[in-house]
């Protein structure tokens, strides 16, 4: 596993074959720049950015899984409210879970 931190909106083209998993020699090697390197199928590359709302090229987005770890005030309020309700009123929390399950069941039946 390799972590590259503080990535901007553009990446070095040398990483292209690695991002696309463009292996050679029956999947045993990958060409990075001028070198052929051994490739392990379980290899993971993690790209990290501090940009609030990065805009990556569609090709890069298609080759990667983008995860947004941005925390919003509304999201934190919802989580805190859920924690308080589950502590002070477990009966309401159980009712909320049952209602959510009912909605999921109705949604499944609707799309059948």
PDB file of N, CA and C in Angstrom:
ATOM      1  N   UNK A   1       0.854  -1.159   0.000  1.00  0.00           N
ATOM      2  CA  UNK A   1       0.000   0.000   0.000  1.00  0.00           C
ATOM      3  C   UNK A   1       0.905   1.228   0.000  1.00  0.00           C
ATOM      4  N   UNK A   2       0.553   2.182  -0.867  1.00  0.00           N
ATOM      5  CA  UNK A   2       1.316   3.426  -0.967  1.00  0.00           C
ATOM      6  C   UNK A   2       0.344   4.587  -0.805  1.00  0.00           C
ATOM      7  N   UNK A   3       0.719   5.572   0.006  1.00  0.00           N
ATOM      8  CA  UNK A   3      -0.087   6.761   0.231  1.00  0.00           C
ATOM      9  C   UNK A   3       0.657   7.961  -0.330  1.00  0.00           C
ATOM     10  N   UNK A   4      -0.010   8.706  -1.211  1.00  0.00           N
ATOM     11  CA  UNK A   4       0.550   9.952  -1.735  1.00  0.00           C
ATOM     12  C   UNK A   4      -0.333  11.066  -1.199  1.00  0.00           C
ATOM     13  N   UNK A   5       0.266  11.976  -0.420  1.00  0.00           N
ATOM     14  CA  UNK A   5      -0.498  13.030   0.233  1.00  0.00           C
ATOM     15  C   UNK A   5      -0.416  14.343  -0.540  1.00  0.00           C
ATOM     16  N   UNK A   6      -1.382  15.216  -0.250  1.00  0.00           N
ATOM     17  CA  UNK A   6      -1.448  16.571  -0.795  1.00  0.00           C
ATOM     18  C   UNK A   6      -1.427  16.598  -2.324  1.00  0.00           C
ATOM     19  N   UNK A   7      -2.215  15.742  -2.926  1.00  0.00           N
ATOM     20  CA  UNK A   7      -2.322  15.668  -4.377  1.00  0.00           C
ATOM     21  C   UNK A   7      -3.146  16.857  -4.857  1.00  0.00           C
ATOM     22  N   UNK A   8      -2.735  17.464  -5.954  1.00  0.00           N
ATOM     23  CA  UNK A   8      -3.498  18.555  -6.548  1.00  0.00           C
ATOM     24  C   UNK A   8      -4.576  18.011  -7.464  1.00  0.00           C
ATOM     25  N   UNK A   9      -5.063  18.854  -8.362  1.00  0.00           N
ATOM     26  CA  UNK A   9      -6.112  18.416  -9.285  1.00  0.00           C
ATOM     27  C   UNK A   9      -5.557  17.706 -10.508  1.00  0.00           C
ATOM     28  N   UNK A  10      -4.244  17.742 -10.689  1.00  0.00           N
ATOM     29  CA  UNK A  10      -3.627  17.010 -11.800  1.00  0.00           C
ATOM     30  C   UNK A  10      -2.588  16.060 -11.237  1.00  0.00           C
ATOM     31  N   UNK A  11      -2.435  14.927 -11.900  1.00  0.00           N
ATOM     32  CA  UNK A  11      -1.447  13.930 -11.484  1.00  0.00           C
ATOM     33  C   UNK A  11      -0.391  13.783 -12.554  1.00  0.00           C
ATOM     34  N   UNK A  12       0.776  13.349 -12.138  1.00  0.00           N
ATOM     35  CA  UNK A  12       1.861  13.095 -13.073  1.00  0.00           C
ATOM     36  C   UNK A  12       1.439  11.953 -13.999  1.00  0.00           C
ATOM     37  N   UNK A  13       1.602  12.125 -15.313  1.00  0.00           N
ATOM     38  CA  UNK A  13       1.208  11.074 -16.267  1.00  0.00           C
ATOM     39  C   UNK A  13       1.936   9.744 -16.048  1.00  0.00           C
ATOM     40  N   UNK A  14       3.047   9.766 -15.344  1.00  0.00           N
ATOM     41  CA  UNK A  14       3.783   8.526 -15.061  1.00  0.00           C
ATOM     42  C   UNK A  14       2.919   7.567 -14.252  1.00  0.00           C
ATOM     43  N   UNK A  15       1.974   8.100 -13.448  1.00  0.00           N
ATOM     44  CA  UNK A  15       1.109   7.248 -12.620  1.00  0.00           C
ATOM     45  C   UNK A  15      -0.020   6.604 -13.424  1.00  0.00           C
ATOM     46  N   UNK A  16      -0.212   7.018 -14.669  1.00  0.00           N
ATOM     47  CA  UNK A  16      -1.308   6.497 -15.502  1.00  0.00           C
ATOM     48  C   UNK A  16      -1.371   4.984 -15.583  1.00  0.00           C
ATOM     49  N   UNK A  17      -0.277   4.304 -15.936  1.00  0.00           N
ATOM     50  CA  UNK A  17      -0.335   2.838 -16.010  1.00  0.00           C
ATOM     51  C   UNK A  17      -0.651   2.177 -14.666  1.00  0.00           C
ATOM     52  N   UNK A  18      -0.209   2.797 -13.586  1.00  0.00           N
ATOM     53  CA  UNK A  18      -0.486   2.245 -12.259  1.00  0.00           C
ATOM     54  C   UNK A  18      -1.962   2.419 -11.914  1.00  0.00           C
ATOM     55  N   UNK A  19      -2.505   3.601 -12.200  1.00  0.00           N
ATOM     56  CA  UNK A  19      -3.927   3.840 -11.927  1.00  0.00           C
ATOM     57  C   UNK A  19      -4.816   2.943 -12.776  1.00  0.00           C
ATOM     58  N   UNK A  20      -4.419   2.732 -14.023  1.00  0.00           N
ATOM     59  CA  UNK A  20      -5.204   1.895 -14.928  1.00  0.00           C
ATOM     60  C   UNK A  20      -4.891   0.423 -14.824  1.00  0.00           C
ATOM     61  N   UNK A  21      -3.943   0.076 -13.968  1.00  0.00           N
ATOM     62  CA  UNK A  21      -3.503  -1.323 -13.784  1.00  0.00           C
ATOM     63  C   UNK A  21      -3.151  -1.953 -15.127  1.00  0.00           C
ATOM     64  N   UNK A  22      -2.383  -1.210 -15.908  1.00  0.00           N
ATOM     65  CA  UNK A  22      -1.980  -1.667 -17.238  1.00  0.00           C
ATOM     66  C   UNK A  22      -0.769  -2.588 -17.116  1.00  0.00           C
ATOM     67  N   UNK A  23      -1.031  -3.848 -16.850  1.00  0.00           N
ATOM     68  CA  UNK A  23       0.045  -4.814 -16.630  1.00  0.00           C
ATOM     69  C   UNK A  23       0.550  -5.374 -17.953  1.00  0.00           C
ATOM     70  N   UNK A  24       1.792  -5.842 -17.903  1.00  0.00           N
ATOM     71  CA  UNK A  24       2.408  -6.499 -19.055  1.00  0.00           C
ATOM     72  C   UNK A  24       2.972  -7.832 -18.574  1.00  0.00           C
ATOM     73  N   UNK A  25       3.426  -8.638 -19.503  1.00  0.00           N
ATOM     74  CA  UNK A  25       3.990  -9.954 -19.181  1.00  0.00           C
ATOM     75  C   UNK A  25       3.026 -10.782 -18.340  1.00  0.00           C
ATOM     76  N   UNK A  26       1.818 -10.943 -18.857  1.00  0.00           N
ATOM     77  CA  UNK A  26       0.780 -11.774 -18.217  1.00  0.00           C
ATOM     78  C   UNK A  26       0.438 -11.306 -16.802  1.00  0.00           C
ATOM     79  N   UNK A  27       0.407  -9.985 -16.614  1.00  0.00           N
ATOM     80  CA  UNK A  27      -0.020  -9.440 -15.329  1.00  0.00           C
ATOM     81  C   UNK A  27       1.021  -9.449 -14.236  1.00  0.00           C
ATOM     82  N   UNK A  28       2.258  -9.775 -14.572  1.00  0.00           N
ATOM     83  CA  UNK A  28       3.291  -9.850 -13.534  1.00  0.00           C
ATOM     84  C   UNK A  28       4.052  -8.545 -13.369  1.00  0.00           C
ATOM     85  N   UNK A  29       4.040  -7.695 -14.394  1.00  0.00           N
ATOM     86  CA  UNK A  29       4.821  -6.453 -14.356  1.00  0.00           C
ATOM     87  C   UNK A  29       3.958  -5.283 -14.806  1.00  0.00           C
ATOM     88  N   UNK A  30       4.423  -4.102 -14.436  1.00  0.00           N
ATOM     89  CA  UNK A  30       3.780  -2.868 -14.877  1.00  0.00           C
ATOM     90  C   UNK A  30       4.888  -1.893 -15.249  1.00  0.00           C
ATOM     91  N   UNK A  31       4.687  -1.143 -16.301  1.00  0.00           N
ATOM     92  CA  UNK A  31       5.712  -0.220 -16.767  1.00  0.00           C
ATOM     93  C   UNK A  31       5.425   1.171 -16.207  1.00  0.00           C
ATOM     94  N   UNK A  32       6.354   1.668 -15.411  1.00  0.00           N
ATOM     95  CA  UNK A  32       6.240   3.006 -14.830  1.00  0.00           C
ATOM     96  C   UNK A  32       7.424   3.811 -15.348  1.00  0.00           C
ATOM     97  N   UNK A  33       7.135   4.786 -16.192  1.00  0.00           N
ATOM     98  CA  UNK A  33       8.217   5.534 -16.837  1.00  0.00           C
ATOM     99  C   UNK A  33       8.958   4.606 -17.780  1.00  0.00           C
ATOM    100  N   UNK A  34      10.275   4.495 -17.589  1.00  0.00           N
ATOM    101  CA  UNK A  34      11.102   3.617 -18.430  1.00  0.00           C
ATOM    102  C   UNK A  34      11.343   2.255 -17.795  1.00  0.00           C
ATOM    103  N   UNK A  35      10.880   2.071 -16.555  1.00  0.00           N
ATOM    104  CA  UNK A  35      11.195   0.837 -15.829  1.00  0.00           C
ATOM    105  C   UNK A  35      10.008  -0.110 -15.798  1.00  0.00           C
ATOM    106  N   UNK A  36      10.339  -1.396 -15.854  1.00  0.00           N
ATOM    107  CA  UNK A  36       9.335  -2.434 -15.624  1.00  0.00           C
ATOM    108  C   UNK A  36       9.459  -2.875 -14.173  1.00  0.00           C
ATOM    109  N   UNK A  37       8.366  -2.788 -13.442  1.00  0.00           N
ATOM    110  CA  UNK A  37       8.356  -3.152 -12.023  1.00  0.00           C
ATOM    111  C   UNK A  37       7.426  -4.333 -11.812  1.00  0.00           C
ATOM    112  N   UNK A  38       7.776  -5.187 -10.851  1.00  0.00           N
ATOM    113  CA  UNK A  38       6.890  -6.297 -10.507  1.00  0.00           C
ATOM    114  C   UNK A  38       5.593  -5.720  -9.949  1.00  0.00           C
ATOM    115  N   UNK A  39       4.493  -6.384 -10.279  1.00  0.00           N
ATOM    116  CA  UNK A  39       3.178  -5.896  -9.860  1.00  0.00           C
ATOM    117  C   UNK A  39       2.460  -6.975  -9.068  1.00  0.00           C
ATOM    118  N   UNK A  40       1.944  -6.586  -7.908  1.00  0.00           N
ATOM    119  CA  UNK A  40       1.158  -7.478  -7.066  1.00  0.00           C
ATOM    120  C   UNK A  40      -0.309  -7.057  -7.196  1.00  0.00           C
ATOM    121  N   UNK A  41      -1.212  -7.962  -7.556  1.00  0.00           N
ATOM    122  CA  UNK A  41      -2.624  -7.596  -7.730  1.00  0.00           C
ATOM    123  C   UNK A  41      -3.276  -7.023  -6.471  1.00  0.00           C
ATOM    124  N   UNK A  42      -2.716  -7.285  -5.309  1.00  0.00           N
ATOM    125  CA  UNK A  42      -3.304  -6.747  -4.081  1.00  0.00           C
ATOM    126  C   UNK A  42      -2.739  -5.370  -3.721  1.00  0.00           C
ATOM    127  N   UNK A  43      -1.917  -4.800  -4.600  1.00  0.00           N
ATOM    128  CA  UNK A  43      -1.344  -3.465  -4.366  1.00  0.00           C
ATOM    129  C   UNK A  43      -2.454  -2.422  -4.336  1.00  0.00           C
ATOM    130  N   UNK A  44      -2.352  -1.482  -3.407  1.00  0.00           N
ATOM    131  CA  UNK A  44      -3.317  -0.388  -3.289  1.00  0.00           C
ATOM    132  C   UNK A  44      -2.573   0.939  -3.285  1.00  0.00           C
ATOM    133  N   UNK A  45      -3.088   1.900  -4.038  1.00  0.00           N
ATOM    134  CA  UNK A  45      -2.546   3.252  -4.097  1.00  0.00           C
ATOM    135  C   UNK A  45      -3.611   4.184  -3.555  1.00  0.00           C
ATOM    136  N   UNK A  46      -3.252   4.968  -2.553  1.00  0.00           N
ATOM    137  CA  UNK A  46      -4.188   5.912  -1.947  1.00  0.00           C
ATOM    138  C   UNK A  46      -3.676   7.316  -2.227  1.00  0.00           C
ATOM    139  N   UNK A  47      -4.523   8.117  -2.850  1.00  0.00           N
ATOM    140  CA  UNK A  47      -4.193   9.506  -3.149  1.00  0.00           C
ATOM    141  C   UNK A  47      -5.002  10.386  -2.202  1.00  0.00           C
ATOM    142  N   UNK A  48      -4.331  11.310  -1.526  1.00  0.00           N
ATOM    143  CA  UNK A  48      -4.974  12.159  -0.526  1.00  0.00           C
ATOM    144  C   UNK A  48      -4.825  13.618  -0.939  1.00  0.00           C
ATOM    145  N   UNK A  49      -5.909  14.369  -0.815  1.00  0.00           N
ATOM    146  CA  UNK A  49      -5.848  15.791  -1.118  1.00  0.00           C
ATOM    147  C   UNK A  49      -6.468  16.588   0.015  1.00  0.00           C
ATOM    148  N   UNK A  50      -5.995  17.810   0.171  1.00  0.00           N
ATOM    149  CA  UNK A  50      -6.581  18.710   1.160  1.00  0.00           C
ATOM    150  C   UNK A  50      -7.544  19.689   0.501  1.00  0.00           C
ATOM    151  N   UNK A  51      -7.723  19.549  -0.804  1.00  0.00           N
ATOM    152  CA  UNK A  51      -8.637  20.434  -1.520  1.00  0.00           C
ATOM    153  C   UNK A  51     -10.070  20.166  -1.079  1.00  0.00           C
ATOM    154  N   UNK A  52     -10.832  21.222  -0.843  1.00  0.00           N
ATOM    155  CA  UNK A  52     -12.206  21.079  -0.351  1.00  0.00           C
ATOM    156  C   UNK A  52     -13.129  20.482  -1.403  1.00  0.00           C
ATOM    157  N   UNK A  53     -12.982  20.894  -2.642  1.00  0.00           N
ATOM    158  CA  UNK A  53     -13.872  20.413  -3.706  1.00  0.00           C
ATOM    159  C   UNK A  53     -13.054  20.212  -4.979  1.00  0.00           C
ATOM    160  N   UNK A  54     -12.240  19.164  -5.024  1.00  0.00           N
ATOM    161  CA  UNK A  54     -11.373  18.988  -6.192  1.00  0.00           C
ATOM    162  C   UNK A  54     -12.151  18.572  -7.440  1.00  0.00           C
ATOM    163  N   UNK A  55     -11.656  18.994  -8.588  1.00  0.00           N
ATOM    164  CA  UNK A  55     -12.258  18.625  -9.875  1.00  0.00           C
ATOM    165  C   UNK A  55     -11.220  17.836 -10.656  1.00  0.00           C
ATOM    166  N   UNK A  56     -11.411  16.518 -10.716  1.00  0.00           N
ATOM    167  CA  UNK A  56     -10.476  15.654 -11.425  1.00  0.00           C
ATOM    168  C   UNK A  56     -11.006  15.355 -12.820  1.00  0.00           C
ATOM    169  N   UNK A  57     -10.104  15.029 -13.719  1.00  0.00           N
ATOM    170  CA  UNK A  57     -10.488  14.678 -15.079  1.00  0.00           C
ATOM    171  C   UNK A  57     -11.359  13.419 -15.051  1.00  0.00           C
ATOM    172  N   UNK A  58     -12.291  13.302 -15.980  1.00  0.00           N
ATOM    173  CA  UNK A  58     -13.171  12.121 -16.004  1.00  0.00           C
ATOM    174  C   UNK A  58     -12.397  10.807 -16.100  1.00  0.00           C
ATOM    175  N   UNK A  59     -11.266  10.791 -16.807  1.00  0.00           N
ATOM    176  CA  UNK A  59     -10.471   9.566 -16.928  1.00  0.00           C
ATOM    177  C   UNK A  59      -9.958   9.121 -15.562  1.00  0.00           C
ATOM    178  N   UNK A  60      -9.509  10.079 -14.763  1.00  0.00           N
ATOM    179  CA  UNK A  60      -9.006   9.760 -13.425  1.00  0.00           C
ATOM    180  C   UNK A  60     -10.148   9.273 -12.538  1.00  0.00           C
ATOM    181  N   UNK A  61     -11.297   9.930 -12.623  1.00  0.00           N
ATOM    182  CA  UNK A  61     -12.439   9.516 -11.806  1.00  0.00           C
ATOM    183  C   UNK A  61     -12.900   8.106 -12.160  1.00  0.00           C
ATOM    184  N   UNK A  62     -12.774   7.726 -13.421  1.00  0.00           N
ATOM    185  CA  UNK A  62     -13.186   6.388 -13.843  1.00  0.00           C
ATOM    186  C   UNK A  62     -12.226   5.321 -13.329  1.00  0.00           C
ATOM    187  N   UNK A  63     -10.983   5.688 -13.087  1.00  0.00           N
ATOM    188  CA  UNK A  63      -9.980   4.717 -12.654  1.00  0.00           C
ATOM    189  C   UNK A  63      -9.878   4.601 -11.143  1.00  0.00           C
ATOM    190  N   UNK A  64     -10.503   5.499 -10.411  1.00  0.00           N
ATOM    191  CA  UNK A  64     -10.349   5.551  -8.950  1.00  0.00           C
ATOM    192  C   UNK A  64     -11.701   5.482  -8.256  1.00  0.00           C
ATOM    193  N   UNK A  65     -11.647   5.207  -6.986  1.00  0.00           N
ATOM    194  CA  UNK A  65     -12.815   5.332  -6.124  1.00  0.00           C
ATOM    195  C   UNK A  65     -12.622   6.595  -5.315  1.00  0.00           C
ATOM    196  N   UNK A  66     -13.510   7.563  -5.484  1.00  0.00           N
ATOM    197  CA  UNK A  66     -13.402   8.827  -4.765  1.00  0.00           C
ATOM    198  C   UNK A  66     -14.244   8.751  -3.504  1.00  0.00           C
ATOM    199  N   UNK A  67     -13.648   9.138  -2.386  1.00  0.00           N
ATOM    200  CA  UNK A  67     -14.347   9.147  -1.107  1.00  0.00           C
ATOM    201  C   UNK A  67     -14.231  10.547  -0.531  1.00  0.00           C
ATOM    202  N   UNK A  68     -15.370  11.130  -0.197  1.00  0.00           N
ATOM    203  CA  UNK A  68     -15.393  12.473   0.367  1.00  0.00           C
ATOM    204  C   UNK A  68     -15.567  12.361   1.879  1.00  0.00           C
ATOM    205  N   UNK A  69     -14.540  12.748   2.620  1.00  0.00           N
ATOM    206  CA  UNK A  69     -14.586  12.676   4.073  1.00  0.00           C
ATOM    207  C   UNK A  69     -14.928  14.031   4.695  1.00  0.00           C
ATOM    208  N   UNK A  70     -15.513  14.919   3.911  1.00  0.00           N
ATOM    209  CA  UNK A  70     -15.872  16.228   4.422  1.00  0.00           C
ATOM    210  C   UNK A  70     -16.966  16.087   5.467  1.00  0.00           C
ATOM    211  N   UNK A  71     -16.777  16.757   6.581  1.00  0.00           N
ATOM    212  CA  UNK A  71     -17.744  16.723   7.669  1.00  0.00           C
ATOM    213  C   UNK A  71     -18.551  18.010   7.607  1.00  0.00           C
ATOM    214  N   UNK A  72     -19.869  17.875   7.607  1.00  0.00           N
ATOM    215  CA  UNK A  72     -20.728  19.063   7.595  1.00  0.00           C
ATOM    216  C   UNK A  72     -21.354  19.260   8.966  1.00  0.00           C
ATOM    217  N   UNK A  73     -21.755  20.461   9.221  1.00  0.00           N
ATOM    218  CA  UNK A  73     -22.400  20.776  10.498  1.00  0.00           C
ATOM    219  C   UNK A  73     -23.708  19.994  10.642  1.00  0.00           C
ATOM    220  N   UNK A  74     -24.503  19.928   9.567  1.00  0.00           N
ATOM    221  CA  UNK A  74     -25.780  19.192   9.618  1.00  0.00           C
ATOM    222  C   UNK A  74     -25.556  17.710   9.899  1.00  0.00           C
ATOM    223  N   UNK A  75     -24.528  17.139   9.257  1.00  0.00           N
ATOM    224  CA  UNK A  75     -24.228  15.729   9.483  1.00  0.00           C
ATOM    225  C   UNK A  75     -23.835  15.456  10.923  1.00  0.00           C
ATOM    226  N   UNK A  76     -23.000  16.334  11.500  1.00  0.00           N
ATOM    227  CA  UNK A  76     -22.614  16.172  12.904  1.00  0.00           C
ATOM    228  C   UNK A  76     -23.806  16.336  13.837  1.00  0.00           C
ATOM    229  N   UNK A  77     -24.683  17.294  13.531  1.00  0.00           N
ATOM    230  CA  UNK A  77     -25.877  17.490  14.363  1.00  0.00           C
ATOM    231  C   UNK A  77     -26.768  16.250  14.328  1.00  0.00           C
ATOM    232  N   UNK A  78     -26.956  15.666  13.154  1.00  0.00           N
ATOM    233  CA  UNK A  78     -27.775  14.453  13.034  1.00  0.00           C
ATOM    234  C   UNK A  78     -27.184  13.304  13.835  1.00  0.00           C
ATOM    235  N   UNK A  79     -25.861  13.147  13.756  1.00  0.00           N
ATOM    236  CA  UNK A  79     -25.209  12.062  14.496  1.00  0.00           C
ATOM    237  C   UNK A  79     -25.326  12.288  15.999  1.00  0.00           C
ATOM    238  N   UNK A  80     -25.120  13.525  16.444  1.00  0.00           N
ATOM    239  CA  UNK A  80     -25.209  13.830  17.871  1.00  0.00           C
ATOM    240  C   UNK A  80     -26.630  13.633  18.372  1.00  0.00           C
ATOM    241  N   UNK A  81     -27.625  14.092  17.599  1.00  0.00           N
ATOM    242  CA  UNK A  81     -29.021  13.911  17.989  1.00  0.00           C
ATOM    243  C   UNK A  81     -29.368  12.433  18.091  1.00  0.00           C
ATOM    244  N   UNK A  82     -28.916  11.639  17.137  1.00  0.00           N
ATOM    245  CA  UNK A  82     -29.181  10.196  17.173  1.00  0.00           C
ATOM    246  C   UNK A  82     -28.553   9.559  18.409  1.00  0.00           C
ATOM    247  N   UNK A  83     -27.350   9.986  18.766  1.00  0.00           N
ATOM    248  CA  UNK A  83     -26.687   9.432  19.957  1.00  0.00           C
ATOM    249  C   UNK A  83     -27.446   9.808  21.226  1.00  0.00           C
ATOM    250  N   UNK A  84     -27.896  11.060  21.333  1.00  0.00           N
ATOM    251  CA  UNK A  84     -28.634  11.508  22.522  1.00  0.00           C
ATOM    252  C   UNK A  84     -29.965  10.774  22.618  1.00  0.00           C
ATOM    253  N   UNK A  85     -30.688  10.653  21.507  1.00  0.00           N
ATOM    254  CA  UNK A  85     -31.983   9.965  21.511  1.00  0.00           C
ATOM    255  C   UNK A  85     -31.806   8.507  21.905  1.00  0.00           C
ATOM    256  N   UNK A  86     -30.773   7.857  21.374  1.00  0.00           N
ATOM    257  CA  UNK A  86     -30.581   6.441  21.708  1.00  0.00           C
ATOM    258  C   UNK A  86     -30.239   6.249  23.181  1.00  0.00           C
ATOM    259  N   UNK A  87     -29.610   7.246  23.795  1.00  0.00           N
ATOM    260  CA  UNK A  87     -29.275   7.144  25.227  1.00  0.00           C
ATOM    261  C   UNK A  87     -30.484   7.478  26.110  1.00  0.00           C
ATOM    262  N   UNK A  88     -31.192   8.559  25.771  1.00  0.00           N
ATOM    263  CA  UNK A  88     -32.272   9.035  26.635  1.00  0.00           C
ATOM    264  C   UNK A  88     -33.624   8.411  26.324  1.00  0.00           C
ATOM    265  N   UNK A  89     -33.877   8.070  25.057  1.00  0.00           N
ATOM    266  CA  UNK A  89     -35.156   7.504  24.659  1.00  0.00           C
ATOM    267  C   UNK A  89     -34.950   6.318  23.728  1.00  0.00           C
ATOM    268  N   UNK A  90     -34.471   5.172  24.258  1.00  0.00           N
ATOM    269  CA  UNK A  90     -34.235   4.012  23.396  1.00  0.00           C
ATOM    270  C   UNK A  90     -35.491   3.543  22.669  1.00  0.00           C
ATOM    271  N   UNK A  91     -36.666   3.793  23.252  1.00  0.00           N
ATOM    272  CA  UNK A  91     -37.911   3.398  22.586  1.00  0.00           C
ATOM    273  C   UNK A  91     -38.105   4.168  21.277  1.00  0.00           C
ATOM    274  N   UNK A  92     -37.755   5.460  21.259  1.00  0.00           N
ATOM    275  CA  UNK A  92     -37.856   6.245  20.019  1.00  0.00           C
ATOM    276  C   UNK A  92     -36.850   5.766  18.977  1.00  0.00           C
ATOM    277  N   UNK A  93     -35.675   5.401  19.444  1.00  0.00           N
ATOM    278  CA  UNK A  93     -34.649   4.911  18.515  1.00  0.00           C
ATOM    279  C   UNK A  93     -35.111   3.608  17.864  1.00  0.00           C
ATOM    280  N   UNK A  94     -35.707   2.709  18.654  1.00  0.00           N
ATOM    281  CA  UNK A  94     -36.225   1.449  18.105  1.00  0.00           C
ATOM    282  C   UNK A  94     -37.342   1.716  17.100  1.00  0.00           C
ATOM    283  N   UNK A  95     -38.211   2.684  17.418  1.00  0.00           N
ATOM    284  CA  UNK A  95     -39.303   3.034  16.509  1.00  0.00           C
ATOM    285  C   UNK A  95     -38.738   3.577  15.196  1.00  0.00           C
ATOM    286  N   UNK A  96     -37.714   4.395  15.269  1.00  0.00           N
ATOM    287  CA  UNK A  96     -37.080   4.952  14.069  1.00  0.00           C
ATOM    288  C   UNK A  96     -36.494   3.839  13.204  1.00  0.00           C
ATOM    289  N   UNK A  97     -35.851   2.864  13.843  1.00  0.00           N
ATOM    290  CA  UNK A  97     -35.266   1.743  13.099  1.00  0.00           C
ATOM    291  C   UNK A  97     -36.363   0.937  12.416  1.00  0.00           C
ATOM    292  N   UNK A  98     -37.460   0.659  13.130  1.00  0.00           N
ATOM    293  CA  UNK A  98     -38.576  -0.097  12.548  1.00  0.00           C
ATOM    294  C   UNK A  98     -39.178   0.644  11.357  1.00  0.00           C
ATOM    295  N   UNK A  99     -39.337   1.948  11.484  1.00  0.00           N
ATOM    296  CA  UNK A  99     -39.897   2.738  10.381  1.00  0.00           C
ATOM    297  C   UNK A  99     -38.965   2.720   9.180  1.00  0.00           C
ATOM    298  N   UNK A 100     -37.676   2.811   9.421  1.00  0.00           N
ATOM    299  CA  UNK A 100     -36.704   2.754   8.330  1.00  0.00           C
ATOM    300  C   UNK A 100     -36.750   1.418   7.622  1.00  0.00           C
ATOM    301  N   UNK A 101     -36.918   0.337   8.380  1.00  0.00           N
ATOM    302  CA  UNK A 101     -37.012  -0.985   7.772  1.00  0.00           C
ATOM    303  C   UNK A 101     -38.289  -1.112   6.955  1.00  0.00           C
ATOM    304  N   UNK A 102     -39.367  -0.494   7.442  1.00  0.00           N
ATOM    305  CA  UNK A 102     -40.627  -0.529   6.701  1.00  0.00           C
ATOM    306  C   UNK A 102     -40.510   0.204   5.371  1.00  0.00           C
ATOM    307  N   UNK A 103     -39.819   1.330   5.383  1.00  0.00           N
ATOM    308  CA  UNK A 103     -39.622   2.096   4.148  1.00  0.00           C
ATOM    309  C   UNK A 103     -38.793   1.277   3.167  1.00  0.00           C
ATOM    310  N   UNK A 104     -37.733   0.617   3.651  1.00  0.00           N
ATOM    311  CA  UNK A 104     -36.904  -0.208   2.768  1.00  0.00           C
ATOM    312  C   UNK A 104     -37.717  -1.338   2.153  1.00  0.00           C
ATOM    313  N   UNK A 105     -38.574  -1.965   2.949  1.00  0.00           N
ATOM    314  CA  UNK A 105     -39.403  -3.067   2.445  1.00  0.00           C
ATOM    315  C   UNK A 105     -40.357  -2.563   1.366  1.00  0.00           C
ATOM    316  N   UNK A 106     -41.010  -1.418   1.616  1.00  0.00           N
ATOM    317  CA  UNK A 106     -41.937  -0.857   0.625  1.00  0.00           C
ATOM    318  C   UNK A 106     -41.198  -0.468  -0.652  1.00  0.00           C
ATOM    319  N   UNK A 107     -39.996   0.064  -0.499  1.00  0.00           N
ATOM    320  CA  UNK A 107     -39.202   0.458  -1.675  1.00  0.00           C
ATOM    321  C   UNK A 107     -38.855  -0.772  -2.514  1.00  0.00           C
ATOM    322  N   UNK A 108     -38.476  -1.870  -1.862  1.00  0.00           N
ATOM    323  CA  UNK A 108     -38.155  -3.095  -2.576  1.00  0.00           C
ATOM    324  C   UNK A 108     -39.370  -3.632  -3.315  1.00  0.00           C
ATOM    325  N   UNK A 109     -40.522  -3.603  -2.663  1.00  0.00           N
ATOM    326  CA  UNK A 109     -41.744  -4.097  -3.292  1.00  0.00           C
ATOM    327  C   UNK A 109     -42.132  -3.207  -4.476  1.00  0.00           C
ATOM    328  N   UNK A 110     -41.923  -1.911  -4.349  1.00  0.00           N
ATOM    329  CA  UNK A 110     -42.269  -0.974  -5.423  1.00  0.00           C
ATOM    330  C   UNK A 110     -41.449  -1.233  -6.676  1.00  0.00           C
ATOM    331  N   UNK A 111     -40.168  -1.580  -6.507  1.00  0.00           N
ATOM    332  CA  UNK A 111     -39.289  -1.754  -7.659  1.00  0.00           C
ATOM    333  C   UNK A 111     -39.295  -3.175  -8.212  1.00  0.00           C
ATOM    334  N   UNK A 112     -40.102  -4.079  -7.669  1.00  0.00           N
ATOM    335  CA  UNK A 112     -40.190  -5.443  -8.206  1.00  0.00           C
ATOM    336  C   UNK A 112     -40.946  -5.515  -9.474  1.00  0.00           C
TER     337      UNK A 112
END
